Amino acid sequence: MVDPLALAAIGAGLAIGLSGIGSGIGVGIAGAAGAGVISERPEKFGTALVFQALPQTQAIYGLLIGILIMLGAGMLGGGAKELSEPLGWAALGAGLATGLAGLSAVGQGIVTSSGIGVTSEKPEMFGRGMVFSVLPETQAIYGLLVAILIMAGAGLFGGVPKEITMTMGLAAVGAGFSVGFAGFSAIGQGITAAGGVASIARRPETMGKNMVFSVMSETFAIFGLLGAVLILLGVKMLG
């Protein structure tokens, strides 16, 4: 038997750690572009900082779920709870969903770096650059959503945790993998969106077509979200 509290702790650590890696890389990519811009145009510091802040949100999602897992397991706020092993696996699944999906920040960093470069020359591109920059964040939101569904289904939001089966606990891990790994599609989306921002800067009338290109990669993230929800429904963890 695996210690359920240890599983919950690993889940919390993965949620915070993996999303932190994604945000760190994403912010670094955007920051490098910002440093290059302000070396020639120091007045663009504020604009660059706004773009650079966008990939940080994944780390915030990871921190939020990590804290919620620790609270649900009783690691914070007064003594560990009596968790069953299935609940420990469910907590691990919630952490995987948020942590893996948080690596989408890498894709967001790619497109925000393009936005920084374009708006430094054409300030009127700020709004459009922001629109394309937020696209890769949806994968992180899908991961956050699945983590919340897992924790709600397992009763880890305070009170007395539910009695779930081992099948449900391991299915939660599968759901976390489904939405988490599918969230890597944000890297492809970031590459496409970065090209779209540059294209629109030259020909503004192509925004609609470039938006179509940019959302194509998100289809696979939706597959991952759908798979995760179906897994949780299939083992009666939802509904």
Protein backbone atom coordinates (compact mmCIF):
# COMPACT_ATOMS: atom_id res chain seq x y z
CA MET A 1 0.00 0.00 0.00
CA VAL A 2 1.24 3.46 -0.91
CA ASP A 3 0.98 6.20 1.69
CA PRO A 4 -1.96 8.37 0.48
CA LEU A 5 -0.59 11.47 2.17
CA ALA A 6 2.66 11.02 0.26
CA LEU A 7 0.73 10.72 -3.01
CA ALA A 8 -1.14 13.92 -2.22
CA ALA A 9 2.14 15.68 -1.41
CA ILE A 10 3.63 14.53 -4.73
CA GLY A 11 0.52 15.78 -6.54
CA ALA A 12 0.82 19.19 -4.91
CA GLY A 13 4.52 19.33 -5.74
CA LEU A 14 3.94 18.41 -9.39
CA ALA A 15 1.21 21.02 -9.74
CA ILE A 16 3.47 23.77 -8.44
CA GLY A 17 6.78 22.53 -9.86
CA LEU A 18 5.81 21.64 -13.43
CA SER A 19 3.72 24.76 -13.95
CA GLY A 20 6.58 26.78 -12.48
CA ILE A 21 8.95 25.30 -15.08
CA GLY A 22 6.56 26.24 -17.88
CA SER A 23 6.09 29.78 -16.62
CA GLY A 24 9.79 30.23 -16.01
CA ILE A 25 10.66 29.28 -19.59
CA GLY A 26 7.79 31.28 -21.05
CA VAL A 27 8.62 34.40 -19.07
CA GLY A 28 12.28 33.97 -20.02
CA ILE A 29 11.51 33.83 -23.74
CA ALA A 30 9.35 36.94 -23.51
CA GLY A 31 11.88 38.70 -21.29
CA ALA A 32 14.68 38.10 -23.77
CA ALA A 33 12.60 39.76 -26.49
CA GLY A 34 11.78 42.63 -24.15
CA ALA A 35 15.44 43.16 -23.26
CA GLY A 36 16.30 43.39 -26.95
CA VAL A 37 13.56 45.94 -27.57
CA ILE A 38 14.35 48.28 -24.68
CA SER A 39 18.04 48.33 -25.62
CA GLU A 40 16.94 50.50 -28.55
CA ARG A 41 13.61 51.85 -27.31
CA PRO A 42 13.63 52.17 -23.49
CA GLU A 43 10.17 53.75 -23.49
CA LYS A 44 8.68 50.37 -24.47
CA PHE A 45 9.54 48.85 -21.08
CA GLY A 46 5.95 48.99 -19.79
CA THR A 47 4.49 47.35 -22.89
CA ALA A 48 7.09 44.59 -22.83
CA LEU A 49 6.41 43.96 -19.14
CA VAL A 50 2.69 43.51 -19.77
CA PHE A 51 3.38 40.85 -22.40
CA GLN A 52 5.98 39.16 -20.21
CA ALA A 53 3.49 38.85 -17.36
CA LEU A 54 1.10 36.66 -19.35
CA PRO A 55 2.99 33.32 -19.06
CA GLN A 56 3.13 33.73 -15.28
CA THR A 57 -0.52 32.78 -14.84
CA GLN A 58 0.16 29.05 -15.30
CA ALA A 59 2.38 29.10 -12.21
CA ILE A 60 -0.45 30.80 -10.31
CA TYR A 61 -2.86 28.03 -11.34
CA GLY A 62 -0.34 25.44 -10.19
CA LEU A 63 0.18 27.16 -6.85
CA LEU A 64 -3.58 27.40 -6.32
CA ILE A 65 -4.19 23.70 -6.97
CA GLY A 66 -1.14 22.73 -4.95
CA ILE A 67 -2.44 24.63 -1.93
CA LEU A 68 -5.95 23.21 -2.39
CA ILE A 69 -4.54 19.67 -2.48
CA MET A 70 -2.55 20.30 0.70
CA LEU A 71 -5.62 21.78 2.40
CA GLY A 72 -7.81 18.89 1.25
CA ALA A 73 -5.30 16.37 2.57
CA GLY A 74 -5.01 18.22 5.87
CA MET A 75 -1.34 19.08 5.41
CA LEU A 76 -2.17 22.72 6.08
CA GLY A 77 -4.39 24.10 8.78
CA GLY A 78 -4.21 21.53 11.52
CA GLY A 79 -3.26 17.91 11.15
CA ALA A 80 -3.35 15.39 8.34
CA LYS A 81 -6.67 13.75 7.53
CA GLU A 82 -7.31 10.03 7.27
CA LEU A 83 -7.05 9.60 3.53
CA SER A 84 -7.60 6.37 1.69
CA GLU A 85 -5.13 5.27 -0.97
CA PRO A 86 -7.60 5.99 -3.81
CA LEU A 87 -7.94 9.57 -2.57
CA GLY A 88 -4.16 9.90 -2.63
CA TRP A 89 -4.10 8.81 -6.27
CA ALA A 90 -6.92 11.26 -7.05
CA ALA A 91 -4.89 14.09 -5.53
CA LEU A 92 -1.93 13.01 -7.65
CA GLY A 93 -4.13 13.10 -10.76
CA ALA A 94 -5.27 16.63 -9.97
CA GLY A 95 -1.67 17.73 -9.59
CA LEU A 96 -0.68 16.12 -12.90
CA ALA A 97 -3.54 17.81 -14.75
CA THR A 98 -2.52 21.28 -13.62
CA GLY A 99 1.24 20.76 -13.68
CA LEU A 100 1.52 19.22 -17.14
CA ALA A 101 -0.98 21.65 -18.66
CA GLY A 102 1.01 24.46 -17.06
CA LEU A 103 3.86 23.76 -19.50
CA SER A 104 1.63 25.55 -22.02
CA ALA A 105 3.34 28.70 -20.77
CA VAL A 106 6.25 27.84 -23.07
CA GLY A 107 4.00 28.34 -26.11
CA GLN A 108 2.62 31.50 -24.61
CA GLY A 109 6.12 32.86 -24.14
CA ILE A 110 6.85 32.28 -27.83
CA VAL A 111 3.87 34.31 -29.01
CA THR A 112 4.31 37.08 -26.42
CA SER A 113 7.89 37.54 -27.57
CA SER A 114 6.55 38.14 -31.08
CA GLY A 115 3.98 40.56 -29.68
CA ILE A 116 6.71 42.53 -27.91
CA GLY A 117 8.74 42.83 -31.10
CA VAL A 118 5.81 43.87 -33.27
CA THR A 119 4.29 46.43 -30.88
CA SER A 120 7.66 48.09 -30.41
CA GLU A 121 7.45 49.16 -34.05
CA LYS A 122 3.66 49.42 -34.40
CA PRO A 123 1.95 50.40 -31.12
CA GLU A 124 -1.47 49.95 -32.72
CA MET A 125 -0.76 46.19 -32.77
CA PHE A 126 -0.95 45.93 -28.96
CA GLY A 127 -4.56 44.74 -28.82
CA ARG A 128 -4.17 42.18 -31.57
CA GLY A 129 -0.93 40.96 -30.08
CA MET A 130 -2.67 40.41 -26.75
CA VAL A 131 -5.49 38.46 -28.41
CA PHE A 132 -3.04 36.01 -29.97
CA SER A 133 -0.94 35.88 -26.80
CA VAL A 134 -3.76 34.60 -24.61
CA LEU A 135 -4.65 31.72 -26.95
CA PRO A 136 -2.12 29.18 -25.54
CA GLU A 137 -3.40 29.81 -22.01
CA THR A 138 -6.62 27.91 -22.66
CA GLN A 139 -4.75 24.62 -22.34
CA ALA A 140 -3.75 25.60 -18.81
CA ILE A 141 -7.37 26.47 -18.04
CA TYR A 142 -8.45 23.02 -19.25
CA GLY A 143 -5.95 21.45 -16.86
CA LEU A 144 -7.18 23.64 -14.01
CA LEU A 145 -10.78 22.66 -14.79
CA VAL A 146 -10.04 18.93 -14.76
CA ALA A 147 -8.10 19.26 -11.50
CA ILE A 148 -11.10 20.96 -9.91
CA LEU A 149 -13.43 18.26 -11.23
CA ILE A 150 -11.18 15.53 -9.80
CA MET A 151 -10.97 17.20 -6.41
CA ALA A 152 -14.71 17.85 -6.33
CA GLY A 153 -15.43 14.25 -7.29
CA ALA A 154 -13.12 12.99 -4.55
CA GLY A 155 -14.42 15.40 -1.92
CA LEU A 156 -11.04 17.06 -1.39
CA PHE A 157 -12.45 20.56 -1.06
CA GLY A 158 -12.71 20.48 2.72
CA GLY A 159 -15.03 18.56 4.99
CA VAL A 160 -14.96 14.77 4.99
CA PRO A 161 -13.33 13.22 1.89
CA LYS A 162 -15.50 10.79 -0.06
CA GLU A 163 -14.98 7.05 -0.13
CA ILE A 164 -13.90 6.34 -3.69
CA THR A 165 -12.67 3.11 -5.22
CA MET A 166 -9.13 2.40 -6.37
CA THR A 167 -10.46 2.39 -9.93
CA MET A 168 -11.66 5.96 -9.47
CA GLY A 169 -8.36 7.05 -7.98
CA LEU A 170 -6.28 5.60 -10.80
CA ALA A 171 -8.77 6.91 -13.36
CA ALA A 172 -8.12 10.39 -11.98
CA VAL A 173 -4.44 9.91 -12.80
CA GLY A 174 -5.42 8.89 -16.33
CA ALA A 175 -7.60 11.98 -16.65
CA GLY A 176 -4.70 14.12 -15.49
CA PHE A 177 -2.43 12.60 -18.11
CA SER A 178 -5.07 13.09 -20.83
CA VAL A 179 -5.59 16.81 -20.36
CA GLY A 180 -2.01 17.44 -19.23
CA PHE A 181 -0.14 15.91 -22.16
CA ALA A 182 -2.68 17.29 -24.65
CA GLY A 183 -1.86 20.71 -23.21
CA PHE A 184 1.57 20.49 -24.87
CA SER A 185 -0.29 21.46 -28.04
CA ALA A 186 0.06 25.02 -26.74
CA ILE A 187 3.68 24.99 -27.90
CA GLY A 188 2.57 24.42 -31.49
CA GLN A 189 -0.14 27.00 -31.05
CA GLY A 190 2.38 29.51 -29.75
CA ILE A 191 4.63 29.00 -32.76
CA THR A 192 1.71 29.51 -35.16
CA ALA A 193 0.34 32.50 -33.25
CA ALA A 194 3.77 34.15 -33.20
CA GLY A 195 3.87 33.91 -36.99
CA GLY A 196 0.32 35.23 -37.13
CA VAL A 197 1.20 38.34 -35.14
CA ALA A 198 4.08 39.08 -37.51
CA SER A 199 1.82 38.48 -40.52
CA ILE A 200 -0.88 40.82 -39.26
CA ALA A 201 1.68 43.54 -38.65
CA ARG A 202 2.38 43.50 -42.39
CA ARG A 203 -1.17 42.85 -43.59
CA PRO A 204 -3.84 43.65 -40.95
CA GLU A 205 -6.62 42.25 -43.13
CA THR A 206 -5.28 38.72 -42.62
CA MET A 207 -6.21 38.58 -38.92
CA GLY A 208 -9.16 36.24 -39.43
CA LYS A 209 -7.16 33.75 -41.48
CA ASN A 210 -4.25 33.82 -39.06
CA MET A 211 -6.66 33.24 -36.18
CA VAL A 212 -7.89 30.11 -37.93
CA PHE A 213 -4.30 28.88 -38.28
CA SER A 214 -3.62 29.60 -34.62
CA VAL A 215 -6.61 27.78 -33.16
CA MET A 216 -6.04 24.58 -35.12
CA SER A 217 -3.51 23.29 -32.56
CA GLU A 218 -6.05 23.75 -29.77
CA THR A 219 -8.20 20.99 -31.24
CA PHE A 220 -5.91 18.43 -29.66
CA ALA A 221 -6.17 20.11 -26.28
CA ILE A 222 -9.94 19.80 -26.54
CA PHE A 223 -9.49 16.09 -27.29
CA GLY A 224 -7.51 15.80 -24.07
CA LEU A 225 -10.16 17.68 -22.10
CA LEU A 226 -12.91 15.52 -23.57
CA GLY A 227 -10.96 12.35 -22.82
CA ALA A 228 -10.42 13.41 -19.20
CA VAL A 229 -14.10 14.20 -18.66
CA LEU A 230 -15.19 10.93 -20.26
CA ILE A 231 -12.78 8.98 -18.05
CA LEU A 232 -14.19 10.62 -14.91
CA LEU A 233 -17.74 10.03 -16.10
CA GLY A 234 -16.94 6.44 -17.03
CA VAL A 235 -15.88 5.54 -13.49
CA LYS A 236 -18.82 7.45 -11.96
CA MET A 237 -16.55 10.07 -10.38
CA LEU A 238 -18.74 12.82 -11.81
CA GLY A 239 -22.49 13.11 -11.93
